């Protein structure tokens, strides 16, 4: 138990605040060879960059980065002597569900961006005790707003819901100054038995 708590504290407080190192990748570098030596190719792009920057990142560092940060997290990336605050914009995986490419979007403070944010549900154990099931239809929501104000995830408590209750996008509480780009009438989830 103590080892588990130490590991949890390490993951939450230390890993979530780390700067992740990446190296510039030459356009002629073979991506298959990079993967063979434990590197994942990627790119950093953004409105305020002159040109997209091809990169490579240690695959185990990338897995750690993704384990401790959500897709909407602002992640400090160190490229040489430059520190760039980025968000993970896209992951490409192969048929074995291994990451083969990562796209980062460079963000400046107060920049307005579009992000797909995961929806997380809590309280499902209360539904199970009533022999009810949460049937999810949407697992992420597209938002637009200042990069610092977009939440890392949308949390929905379903513990007090009953049979046939529905959650529409318009029912979800979104921070002020953040726009929902998805259809507000879209069904997020329904309670069934």
N, C-alpha and C. Protein backbone atom coordinates (compact mmCIF):
# COMPACT_ATOMS: atom_id res chain seq x y z
N UNK A 1 0.83 -1.20 0.00
CA UNK A 1 0.00 0.00 0.00
C UNK A 1 0.87 1.26 0.00
N UNK A 2 1.92 1.28 0.80
CA UNK A 2 2.80 2.44 0.87
C UNK A 2 3.49 2.66 -0.47
N UNK A 3 3.95 1.57 -1.10
CA UNK A 3 4.58 1.70 -2.42
C UNK A 3 3.60 2.25 -3.44
N UNK A 4 2.36 1.80 -3.38
CA UNK A 4 1.33 2.29 -4.30
C UNK A 4 1.11 3.79 -4.10
N UNK A 5 1.03 4.25 -2.84
CA UNK A 5 0.82 5.67 -2.55
C UNK A 5 2.01 6.51 -3.01
N UNK A 6 3.20 6.02 -2.81
CA UNK A 6 4.40 6.74 -3.27
C UNK A 6 4.36 6.85 -4.79
N UNK A 7 4.03 5.75 -5.46
CA UNK A 7 3.94 5.76 -6.92
C UNK A 7 2.86 6.75 -7.39
N UNK A 8 1.72 6.76 -6.71
CA UNK A 8 0.62 7.67 -7.07
C UNK A 8 1.03 9.12 -6.89
N UNK A 9 1.67 9.44 -5.79
CA UNK A 9 2.15 10.80 -5.54
C UNK A 9 3.16 11.19 -6.61
N UNK A 10 4.06 10.29 -6.95
CA UNK A 10 5.06 10.54 -8.00
C UNK A 10 4.37 10.85 -9.32
N UNK A 11 3.40 10.03 -9.70
CA UNK A 11 2.71 10.22 -10.98
C UNK A 11 1.94 11.54 -11.01
N UNK A 12 1.22 11.85 -9.96
CA UNK A 12 0.35 13.03 -9.96
C UNK A 12 1.14 14.32 -9.81
N UNK A 13 2.05 14.38 -8.82
CA UNK A 13 2.70 15.64 -8.51
C UNK A 13 4.01 15.87 -9.27
N UNK A 14 4.73 14.82 -9.53
CA UNK A 14 6.02 14.99 -10.20
C UNK A 14 5.87 14.90 -11.71
N UNK A 15 5.29 13.79 -12.19
CA UNK A 15 5.23 13.56 -13.63
C UNK A 15 4.36 14.59 -14.35
N UNK A 16 3.27 15.06 -13.72
CA UNK A 16 2.40 16.00 -14.40
C UNK A 16 3.05 17.38 -14.54
N UNK A 17 4.15 17.64 -13.83
CA UNK A 17 4.81 18.94 -13.91
C UNK A 17 6.16 18.88 -14.64
N UNK A 18 6.50 17.75 -15.22
CA UNK A 18 7.77 17.61 -15.91
C UNK A 18 7.75 18.27 -17.27
N UNK A 19 8.93 18.67 -17.72
CA UNK A 19 9.11 19.09 -19.10
C UNK A 19 9.57 17.86 -19.86
N UNK A 20 8.97 17.62 -21.00
CA UNK A 20 9.32 16.44 -21.80
C UNK A 20 10.25 16.86 -22.93
N UNK A 21 11.36 16.13 -23.05
CA UNK A 21 12.37 16.45 -24.06
C UNK A 21 12.04 15.79 -25.39
N UNK A 22 12.16 16.57 -26.45
CA UNK A 22 12.03 16.05 -27.81
C UNK A 22 13.23 16.54 -28.60
N UNK A 23 13.52 15.87 -29.69
CA UNK A 23 14.61 16.27 -30.57
C UNK A 23 14.04 16.58 -31.95
N UNK A 24 14.69 17.50 -32.62
CA UNK A 24 14.29 17.82 -33.98
C UNK A 24 14.59 16.61 -34.86
N UNK A 25 13.68 16.32 -35.76
CA UNK A 25 13.82 15.17 -36.66
C UNK A 25 14.07 15.70 -38.07
N UNK A 26 15.03 15.11 -38.74
CA UNK A 26 15.28 15.46 -40.14
C UNK A 26 14.21 14.83 -41.01
N UNK A 27 13.80 15.52 -42.05
CA UNK A 27 12.74 15.01 -42.93
C UNK A 27 13.10 13.69 -43.61
N UNK A 28 14.39 13.47 -43.81
CA UNK A 28 14.80 12.23 -44.49
C UNK A 28 15.01 11.05 -43.54
N UNK A 29 14.80 11.25 -42.23
CA UNK A 29 14.94 10.14 -41.28
C UNK A 29 13.82 9.13 -41.48
N UNK A 30 14.18 7.87 -41.52
CA UNK A 30 13.21 6.80 -41.73
C UNK A 30 12.40 6.57 -40.45
N UNK A 31 11.09 6.75 -40.55
CA UNK A 31 10.22 6.64 -39.38
C UNK A 31 10.19 5.21 -38.84
N UNK A 32 10.26 4.23 -39.70
CA UNK A 32 10.27 2.83 -39.25
C UNK A 32 11.52 2.56 -38.41
N UNK A 33 12.67 3.07 -38.87
CA UNK A 33 13.91 2.88 -38.11
C UNK A 33 13.86 3.60 -36.77
N UNK A 34 13.24 4.77 -36.73
CA UNK A 34 13.09 5.48 -35.46
C UNK A 34 12.31 4.63 -34.47
N UNK A 35 11.21 4.04 -34.93
CA UNK A 35 10.38 3.22 -34.05
C UNK A 35 11.14 2.00 -33.56
N UNK A 36 11.98 1.43 -34.41
CA UNK A 36 12.76 0.25 -34.02
C UNK A 36 13.72 0.54 -32.87
N UNK A 37 14.20 1.80 -32.80
CA UNK A 37 15.15 2.15 -31.73
C UNK A 37 14.46 2.82 -30.55
N UNK A 38 13.12 2.74 -30.51
CA UNK A 38 12.38 3.22 -29.35
C UNK A 38 11.98 4.69 -29.39
N UNK A 39 11.96 5.27 -30.58
CA UNK A 39 11.55 6.66 -30.73
C UNK A 39 10.23 6.75 -31.50
N UNK A 40 9.43 7.75 -31.19
CA UNK A 40 8.18 7.98 -31.90
C UNK A 40 8.30 9.29 -32.67
N UNK A 41 8.05 9.25 -33.99
CA UNK A 41 8.08 10.50 -34.75
C UNK A 41 6.84 11.34 -34.44
N UNK A 42 6.98 12.64 -34.63
CA UNK A 42 5.86 13.53 -34.40
C UNK A 42 6.09 14.87 -35.04
N UNK A 43 5.20 15.80 -34.74
CA UNK A 43 5.30 17.15 -35.29
C UNK A 43 4.73 18.13 -34.28
N UNK A 44 5.32 19.32 -34.26
CA UNK A 44 4.77 20.43 -33.47
C UNK A 44 4.36 21.49 -34.47
N UNK A 45 3.10 21.91 -34.40
CA UNK A 45 2.65 22.97 -35.29
C UNK A 45 1.82 23.96 -34.48
N UNK A 46 1.58 25.08 -35.06
CA UNK A 46 0.77 26.09 -34.39
C UNK A 46 0.77 27.39 -35.16
N UNK A 47 -0.23 28.18 -34.91
CA UNK A 47 -0.41 29.44 -35.62
C UNK A 47 0.79 30.37 -35.46
N UNK A 48 1.47 30.30 -34.30
CA UNK A 48 2.54 31.24 -34.01
C UNK A 48 3.93 30.67 -34.31
N UNK A 49 3.98 29.52 -34.96
CA UNK A 49 5.26 28.97 -35.41
C UNK A 49 5.42 29.29 -36.89
N UNK A 50 6.64 29.65 -37.27
CA UNK A 50 6.89 29.99 -38.67
C UNK A 50 6.63 28.78 -39.57
N UNK A 51 7.12 27.61 -39.15
CA UNK A 51 6.94 26.36 -39.88
C UNK A 51 6.70 25.23 -38.88
N UNK A 52 5.97 24.19 -39.29
CA UNK A 52 5.85 23.00 -38.41
C UNK A 52 7.24 22.41 -38.15
N UNK A 53 7.41 21.83 -36.95
CA UNK A 53 8.70 21.28 -36.57
C UNK A 53 8.58 19.76 -36.45
N UNK A 54 9.24 19.01 -37.36
CA UNK A 54 9.24 17.54 -37.20
C UNK A 54 10.11 17.17 -36.00
N UNK A 55 9.60 16.26 -35.17
CA UNK A 55 10.31 15.88 -33.94
C UNK A 55 10.36 14.36 -33.78
N UNK A 56 11.13 13.94 -32.79
CA UNK A 56 11.14 12.55 -32.33
C UNK A 56 11.19 12.59 -30.82
N UNK A 57 10.48 11.67 -30.18
CA UNK A 57 10.41 11.60 -28.73
C UNK A 57 10.59 10.15 -28.30
N UNK A 58 11.27 9.94 -27.20
CA UNK A 58 11.43 8.60 -26.66
C UNK A 58 10.05 8.00 -26.42
N UNK A 59 9.80 6.81 -26.94
CA UNK A 59 8.48 6.19 -26.84
C UNK A 59 8.03 5.97 -25.40
N UNK A 60 8.95 5.61 -24.51
CA UNK A 60 8.55 5.40 -23.11
C UNK A 60 8.21 6.74 -22.45
N UNK A 61 8.92 7.83 -22.81
CA UNK A 61 8.56 9.16 -22.31
C UNK A 61 7.18 9.57 -22.80
N UNK A 62 6.88 9.27 -24.05
CA UNK A 62 5.58 9.61 -24.61
C UNK A 62 4.46 8.86 -23.89
N UNK A 63 4.68 7.58 -23.62
CA UNK A 63 3.67 6.81 -22.87
C UNK A 63 3.45 7.39 -21.48
N UNK A 64 4.54 7.78 -20.81
CA UNK A 64 4.45 8.40 -19.49
C UNK A 64 3.71 9.73 -19.58
N UNK A 65 4.02 10.51 -20.60
CA UNK A 65 3.36 11.80 -20.81
C UNK A 65 1.86 11.61 -20.98
N UNK A 66 1.46 10.63 -21.77
CA UNK A 66 0.04 10.39 -22.03
C UNK A 66 -0.67 9.79 -20.82
N UNK A 67 0.07 9.04 -20.02
CA UNK A 67 -0.52 8.43 -18.82
C UNK A 67 -0.83 9.48 -17.76
N UNK A 68 0.00 10.52 -17.68
CA UNK A 68 -0.14 11.50 -16.61
C UNK A 68 -0.82 12.80 -17.06
N UNK A 69 -1.18 12.91 -18.33
CA UNK A 69 -1.83 14.11 -18.85
C UNK A 69 -3.00 13.72 -19.72
N UNK A 70 -4.04 14.52 -19.70
CA UNK A 70 -5.17 14.32 -20.60
C UNK A 70 -4.87 14.96 -21.95
N UNK A 71 -5.72 14.68 -22.91
CA UNK A 71 -5.51 15.24 -24.24
C UNK A 71 -5.58 16.77 -24.21
N UNK A 72 -6.30 17.35 -23.28
CA UNK A 72 -6.41 18.80 -23.19
C UNK A 72 -5.37 19.45 -22.31
N UNK A 73 -4.47 18.67 -21.73
CA UNK A 73 -3.46 19.22 -20.82
C UNK A 73 -2.44 20.07 -21.58
N UNK A 74 -2.01 21.15 -20.93
CA UNK A 74 -0.90 21.93 -21.48
C UNK A 74 0.38 21.25 -21.02
N UNK A 75 1.20 20.83 -21.98
CA UNK A 75 2.39 20.04 -21.69
C UNK A 75 3.63 20.83 -22.08
N UNK A 76 4.56 21.05 -21.14
CA UNK A 76 5.80 21.74 -21.50
C UNK A 76 6.73 20.79 -22.26
N UNK A 77 7.07 21.18 -23.48
CA UNK A 77 7.95 20.39 -24.34
C UNK A 77 9.26 21.16 -24.49
N UNK A 78 10.37 20.47 -24.27
CA UNK A 78 11.68 21.10 -24.40
C UNK A 78 12.31 20.63 -25.72
N UNK A 79 12.53 21.58 -26.62
CA UNK A 79 13.15 21.31 -27.92
C UNK A 79 14.46 22.09 -27.96
N UNK A 80 15.56 21.39 -27.71
CA UNK A 80 16.84 22.09 -27.59
C UNK A 80 16.80 22.98 -26.36
N UNK A 81 17.02 24.27 -26.55
CA UNK A 81 16.97 25.22 -25.44
C UNK A 81 15.62 25.93 -25.36
N UNK A 82 14.71 25.60 -26.27
CA UNK A 82 13.39 26.24 -26.30
C UNK A 82 12.38 25.42 -25.51
N UNK A 83 11.57 26.11 -24.71
CA UNK A 83 10.47 25.46 -24.00
C UNK A 83 9.18 25.90 -24.69
N UNK A 84 8.40 24.92 -25.15
CA UNK A 84 7.16 25.18 -25.85
C UNK A 84 6.00 24.56 -25.08
N UNK A 85 4.98 25.34 -24.78
CA UNK A 85 3.78 24.78 -24.16
C UNK A 85 2.88 24.27 -25.28
N UNK A 86 2.55 22.98 -25.20
CA UNK A 86 1.81 22.33 -26.27
C UNK A 86 0.63 21.53 -25.71
N UNK A 87 -0.28 21.17 -26.58
CA UNK A 87 -1.32 20.20 -26.25
C UNK A 87 -1.22 19.07 -27.27
N UNK A 88 -1.58 17.86 -26.85
CA UNK A 88 -1.60 16.74 -27.78
C UNK A 88 -2.83 16.92 -28.66
N UNK A 89 -2.62 17.04 -29.95
CA UNK A 89 -3.73 17.28 -30.87
C UNK A 89 -4.19 15.98 -31.52
N UNK A 90 -3.25 15.07 -31.79
CA UNK A 90 -3.64 13.82 -32.46
C UNK A 90 -2.61 12.73 -32.18
N UNK A 91 -3.12 11.51 -32.09
CA UNK A 91 -2.27 10.32 -31.98
C UNK A 91 -2.64 9.37 -33.10
N UNK A 92 -1.63 8.83 -33.76
CA UNK A 92 -1.90 7.81 -34.77
C UNK A 92 -1.37 6.49 -34.24
N UNK A 93 -2.20 5.46 -34.35
CA UNK A 93 -1.83 4.14 -33.83
C UNK A 93 -1.90 3.10 -34.93
N UNK A 94 -1.13 2.04 -34.76
CA UNK A 94 -1.19 0.94 -35.72
C UNK A 94 -2.23 -0.09 -35.29
N UNK A 95 -2.32 -1.18 -36.00
CA UNK A 95 -3.33 -2.21 -35.71
C UNK A 95 -3.12 -2.88 -34.35
N UNK A 96 -1.91 -2.77 -33.77
CA UNK A 96 -1.64 -3.32 -32.44
C UNK A 96 -1.86 -2.29 -31.34
N UNK A 97 -2.46 -1.14 -31.70
CA UNK A 97 -2.75 -0.05 -30.78
C UNK A 97 -1.48 0.61 -30.23
N UNK A 98 -0.37 0.53 -30.97
CA UNK A 98 0.87 1.18 -30.60
C UNK A 98 0.90 2.56 -31.26
N UNK A 99 1.39 3.55 -30.54
CA UNK A 99 1.47 4.90 -31.09
C UNK A 99 2.59 4.95 -32.12
N UNK A 100 2.26 5.39 -33.33
CA UNK A 100 3.26 5.48 -34.38
C UNK A 100 3.57 6.93 -34.78
N UNK A 101 2.75 7.88 -34.31
CA UNK A 101 2.99 9.30 -34.61
C UNK A 101 2.18 10.15 -33.64
N UNK A 102 2.74 11.30 -33.26
CA UNK A 102 2.04 12.21 -32.34
C UNK A 102 2.10 13.63 -32.92
N UNK A 103 0.98 14.33 -32.82
CA UNK A 103 0.91 15.74 -33.24
C UNK A 103 0.72 16.59 -32.00
N UNK A 104 1.59 17.58 -31.82
CA UNK A 104 1.46 18.56 -30.75
C UNK A 104 1.09 19.90 -31.37
N UNK A 105 0.22 20.65 -30.69
CA UNK A 105 -0.07 22.01 -31.12
C UNK A 105 0.56 22.97 -30.12
N UNK A 106 1.43 23.84 -30.62
CA UNK A 106 2.05 24.87 -29.79
C UNK A 106 1.01 25.92 -29.44
N UNK A 107 0.96 26.31 -28.18
CA UNK A 107 -0.02 27.31 -27.75
C UNK A 107 0.67 28.44 -27.00
N UNK A 108 0.17 29.64 -27.23
CA UNK A 108 0.63 30.81 -26.48
C UNK A 108 -0.41 31.10 -25.40
N UNK A 109 -0.02 31.77 -24.31
CA UNK A 109 -1.00 32.14 -23.29
C UNK A 109 -2.16 32.94 -23.91
N UNK A 110 -3.36 32.62 -23.48
CA UNK A 110 -4.60 33.28 -23.93
C UNK A 110 -4.94 33.03 -25.40
N UNK A 111 -4.26 32.10 -26.05
CA UNK A 111 -4.59 31.78 -27.43
C UNK A 111 -5.92 31.02 -27.46
N UNK A 112 -6.77 31.34 -28.41
CA UNK A 112 -8.03 30.61 -28.59
C UNK A 112 -7.75 29.41 -29.50
N UNK A 113 -8.10 28.23 -28.97
CA UNK A 113 -7.89 27.01 -29.75
C UNK A 113 -9.14 26.15 -29.70
N UNK A 114 -9.18 25.18 -30.61
CA UNK A 114 -10.24 24.16 -30.60
C UNK A 114 -9.61 22.89 -30.03
N UNK A 115 -10.34 22.23 -29.12
CA UNK A 115 -9.84 21.00 -28.52
C UNK A 115 -10.97 20.00 -28.37
N UNK A 116 -10.65 18.75 -28.58
CA UNK A 116 -11.58 17.66 -28.28
C UNK A 116 -11.24 17.18 -26.87
N UNK A 117 -12.19 17.34 -25.94
CA UNK A 117 -11.97 17.05 -24.53
C UNK A 117 -12.75 15.80 -24.13
N UNK A 118 -12.11 14.89 -23.38
CA UNK A 118 -12.82 13.67 -22.96
C UNK A 118 -13.91 13.95 -21.93
N UNK A 119 -14.98 13.18 -22.01
CA UNK A 119 -16.06 13.23 -21.01
C UNK A 119 -15.85 12.04 -20.08
N UNK A 120 -15.81 12.32 -18.76
CA UNK A 120 -15.63 11.26 -17.76
C UNK A 120 -16.88 11.18 -16.91
N UNK A 121 -17.30 9.96 -16.62
CA UNK A 121 -18.51 9.73 -15.83
C UNK A 121 -18.13 9.15 -14.47
N UNK A 122 -18.79 9.64 -13.42
CA UNK A 122 -18.59 9.08 -12.08
C UNK A 122 -19.95 8.69 -11.52
N UNK A 123 -19.93 7.87 -10.48
CA UNK A 123 -21.17 7.46 -9.83
C UNK A 123 -21.85 6.26 -10.45
N UNK A 124 -21.16 5.56 -11.32
CA UNK A 124 -21.77 4.41 -11.98
C UNK A 124 -22.08 3.27 -11.02
N UNK A 125 -21.32 3.20 -9.91
CA UNK A 125 -21.58 2.14 -8.93
C UNK A 125 -22.97 2.31 -8.31
N UNK A 126 -23.45 3.54 -8.15
CA UNK A 126 -24.82 3.77 -7.64
C UNK A 126 -25.86 3.28 -8.64
N UNK A 127 -25.59 3.46 -9.91
CA UNK A 127 -26.51 2.96 -10.94
C UNK A 127 -26.56 1.43 -10.89
N UNK A 128 -25.41 0.81 -10.74
CA UNK A 128 -25.35 -0.65 -10.71
C UNK A 128 -26.13 -1.21 -9.52
N UNK A 129 -26.10 -0.50 -8.40
CA UNK A 129 -26.85 -0.97 -7.23
C UNK A 129 -28.36 -0.91 -7.48
N UNK A 130 -28.79 -0.07 -8.42
CA UNK A 130 -30.21 0.02 -8.80
C UNK A 130 -30.49 -0.82 -10.06
N UNK A 131 -29.50 -1.64 -10.45
CA UNK A 131 -29.57 -2.49 -11.65
C UNK A 131 -29.79 -1.67 -12.92
N UNK A 132 -29.11 -0.54 -12.95
CA UNK A 132 -29.16 0.34 -14.12
C UNK A 132 -27.78 0.40 -14.76
N UNK A 133 -27.76 0.79 -16.03
CA UNK A 133 -26.52 0.84 -16.80
C UNK A 133 -26.42 2.20 -17.48
N UNK A 134 -25.23 2.75 -17.50
CA UNK A 134 -24.95 3.98 -18.24
C UNK A 134 -24.56 3.59 -19.66
N UNK A 135 -25.34 4.03 -20.62
CA UNK A 135 -25.04 3.77 -22.03
C UNK A 135 -24.52 5.07 -22.63
N UNK A 136 -23.23 5.11 -22.97
CA UNK A 136 -22.64 6.35 -23.49
C UNK A 136 -22.68 6.37 -25.01
N UNK A 137 -22.99 7.55 -25.53
CA UNK A 137 -23.04 7.75 -26.99
C UNK A 137 -21.94 8.67 -27.46
N UNK A 138 -21.51 9.60 -26.59
CA UNK A 138 -20.43 10.53 -26.93
C UNK A 138 -19.41 10.47 -25.79
N UNK A 139 -18.14 10.31 -26.15
CA UNK A 139 -17.10 10.21 -25.13
C UNK A 139 -16.18 11.42 -25.11
N UNK A 140 -16.39 12.36 -26.04
CA UNK A 140 -15.60 13.59 -26.04
C UNK A 140 -16.44 14.71 -26.62
N UNK A 141 -16.02 15.94 -26.34
CA UNK A 141 -16.76 17.12 -26.77
C UNK A 141 -15.76 18.12 -27.35
N UNK A 142 -16.13 18.75 -28.46
CA UNK A 142 -15.24 19.74 -29.07
C UNK A 142 -15.56 21.12 -28.52
N UNK A 143 -14.52 21.75 -27.94
CA UNK A 143 -14.66 23.06 -27.32
C UNK A 143 -13.71 24.05 -27.98
N UNK A 144 -14.05 25.34 -27.86
CA UNK A 144 -13.16 26.39 -28.34
C UNK A 144 -13.10 27.49 -27.29
N UNK A 145 -11.90 27.98 -27.05
CA UNK A 145 -11.73 29.06 -26.08
C UNK A 145 -10.27 29.27 -25.76
N UNK A 146 -9.99 30.12 -24.77
CA UNK A 146 -8.62 30.35 -24.33
C UNK A 146 -8.03 29.05 -23.83
N UNK A 147 -6.80 28.78 -24.23
CA UNK A 147 -6.16 27.52 -23.91
C UNK A 147 -6.11 27.26 -22.40
N UNK A 148 -5.96 28.32 -21.59
CA UNK A 148 -5.88 28.14 -20.14
C UNK A 148 -7.25 27.86 -19.53
N UNK A 149 -8.33 28.20 -20.20
CA UNK A 149 -9.67 28.05 -19.64
C UNK A 149 -10.37 26.76 -20.06
N UNK A 150 -9.87 26.12 -21.10
CA UNK A 150 -10.48 24.86 -21.55
C UNK A 150 -10.13 23.78 -20.53
N UNK A 151 -11.14 23.10 -19.97
CA UNK A 151 -10.85 22.06 -18.97
C UNK A 151 -10.16 20.86 -19.62
N UNK A 152 -9.42 20.11 -18.80
CA UNK A 152 -8.75 18.91 -19.30
C UNK A 152 -9.75 17.80 -19.57
N UNK A 153 -10.87 17.82 -18.87
CA UNK A 153 -11.93 16.83 -19.09
C UNK A 153 -13.24 17.43 -18.59
N UNK A 154 -14.33 16.84 -19.02
CA UNK A 154 -15.67 17.21 -18.55
C UNK A 154 -16.12 16.06 -17.66
N UNK A 155 -16.43 16.35 -16.39
CA UNK A 155 -16.82 15.33 -15.42
C UNK A 155 -18.32 15.39 -15.19
N UNK A 156 -18.98 14.25 -15.33
CA UNK A 156 -20.44 14.16 -15.13
C UNK A 156 -20.74 13.13 -14.06
N UNK A 157 -21.46 13.53 -13.03
CA UNK A 157 -21.87 12.63 -11.95
C UNK A 157 -23.24 12.05 -12.30
N UNK A 158 -23.31 10.74 -12.46
CA UNK A 158 -24.56 10.07 -12.83
C UNK A 158 -25.18 9.31 -11.66
N UNK A 159 -24.62 9.47 -10.45
CA UNK A 159 -25.04 8.66 -9.31
C UNK A 159 -26.51 8.83 -8.94
N UNK A 160 -27.10 10.00 -9.17
CA UNK A 160 -28.50 10.24 -8.79
C UNK A 160 -29.47 10.12 -9.95
N UNK A 161 -29.02 9.57 -11.05
CA UNK A 161 -29.89 9.46 -12.22
C UNK A 161 -30.75 8.20 -12.12
N UNK A 162 -31.84 8.20 -12.87
CA UNK A 162 -32.79 7.09 -12.87
C UNK A 162 -33.00 6.57 -14.28
N UNK A 163 -33.76 5.46 -14.35
CA UNK A 163 -34.04 4.82 -15.63
C UNK A 163 -34.57 5.83 -16.65
N UNK A 164 -34.04 5.77 -17.85
CA UNK A 164 -34.44 6.56 -19.00
C UNK A 164 -34.04 8.04 -18.90
N UNK A 165 -33.28 8.42 -17.86
CA UNK A 165 -32.74 9.79 -17.83
C UNK A 165 -31.73 9.92 -18.96
N UNK A 166 -31.72 11.09 -19.58
CA UNK A 166 -30.81 11.35 -20.70
C UNK A 166 -29.93 12.55 -20.38
N UNK A 167 -28.73 12.52 -20.92
CA UNK A 167 -27.83 13.67 -20.81
C UNK A 167 -27.56 14.14 -22.24
N UNK A 168 -27.94 15.38 -22.51
CA UNK A 168 -27.65 16.01 -23.79
C UNK A 168 -26.46 16.95 -23.60
N UNK A 169 -25.79 17.28 -24.68
CA UNK A 169 -24.66 18.20 -24.57
C UNK A 169 -25.07 19.52 -23.92
N UNK A 170 -26.26 19.99 -24.23
CA UNK A 170 -26.73 21.27 -23.67
C UNK A 170 -26.94 21.20 -22.16
N UNK A 171 -27.01 19.98 -21.58
CA UNK A 171 -27.18 19.82 -20.13
C UNK A 171 -25.86 19.89 -19.36
N UNK A 172 -24.74 19.85 -20.08
CA UNK A 172 -23.44 19.80 -19.44
C UNK A 172 -22.98 21.22 -19.10
N UNK A 173 -22.48 21.37 -17.89
CA UNK A 173 -21.96 22.67 -17.45
C UNK A 173 -20.58 22.90 -18.06
N UNK A 174 -20.47 23.97 -18.84
CA UNK A 174 -19.23 24.33 -19.51
C UNK A 174 -18.74 25.65 -18.93
N UNK A 175 -17.44 25.81 -18.71
CA UNK A 175 -16.93 27.07 -18.16
C UNK A 175 -17.33 28.28 -19.03
N UNK A 176 -17.48 29.40 -18.37
CA UNK A 176 -17.81 30.65 -19.05
C UNK A 176 -16.71 30.97 -20.07
N UNK A 177 -17.06 31.60 -21.16
CA UNK A 177 -16.14 31.99 -22.24
C UNK A 177 -15.63 30.82 -23.07
N UNK A 178 -16.21 29.64 -22.88
CA UNK A 178 -15.85 28.47 -23.69
C UNK A 178 -17.05 28.13 -24.57
N UNK A 179 -16.80 27.93 -25.85
CA UNK A 179 -17.87 27.59 -26.79
C UNK A 179 -17.88 26.10 -27.06
N UNK A 180 -19.09 25.54 -27.16
CA UNK A 180 -19.26 24.14 -27.55
C UNK A 180 -19.46 24.11 -29.05
N UNK A 181 -18.60 23.38 -29.76
CA UNK A 181 -18.69 23.34 -31.21
C UNK A 181 -19.53 22.17 -31.71
N UNK A 182 -19.84 21.24 -30.82
CA UNK A 182 -20.65 20.09 -31.17
C UNK A 182 -22.13 20.46 -31.07
N UNK A 183 -23.00 19.65 -31.65
CA UNK A 183 -24.44 19.88 -31.63
C UNK A 183 -24.97 19.82 -30.19
N UNK A 184 -25.58 20.91 -29.68
CA UNK A 184 -26.05 20.93 -28.28
C UNK A 184 -27.16 19.91 -28.01
N UNK A 185 -27.87 19.46 -29.04
CA UNK A 185 -28.95 18.49 -28.87
C UNK A 185 -28.46 17.04 -28.91
N UNK A 186 -27.16 16.86 -29.14
CA UNK A 186 -26.60 15.51 -29.25
C UNK A 186 -26.72 14.76 -27.93
N UNK A 187 -27.08 13.49 -28.02
CA UNK A 187 -27.22 12.62 -26.84
C UNK A 187 -25.85 12.16 -26.38
N UNK A 188 -25.50 12.49 -25.15
CA UNK A 188 -24.22 12.08 -24.56
C UNK A 188 -24.37 10.70 -23.94
N UNK A 189 -25.44 10.50 -23.15
CA UNK A 189 -25.64 9.22 -22.47
C UNK A 189 -27.09 9.06 -22.06
N UNK A 190 -27.48 7.81 -21.84
CA UNK A 190 -28.83 7.49 -21.36
C UNK A 190 -28.69 6.38 -20.32
N UNK A 191 -29.61 6.39 -19.36
CA UNK A 191 -29.60 5.36 -18.32
C UNK A 191 -30.58 4.27 -18.74
N UNK A 192 -30.10 3.05 -18.83
CA UNK A 192 -30.93 1.91 -19.24
C UNK A 192 -30.86 0.83 -18.16
N UNK A 193 -31.60 -0.26 -18.40
CA UNK A 193 -31.51 -1.40 -17.46
C UNK A 193 -31.16 -2.66 -18.18
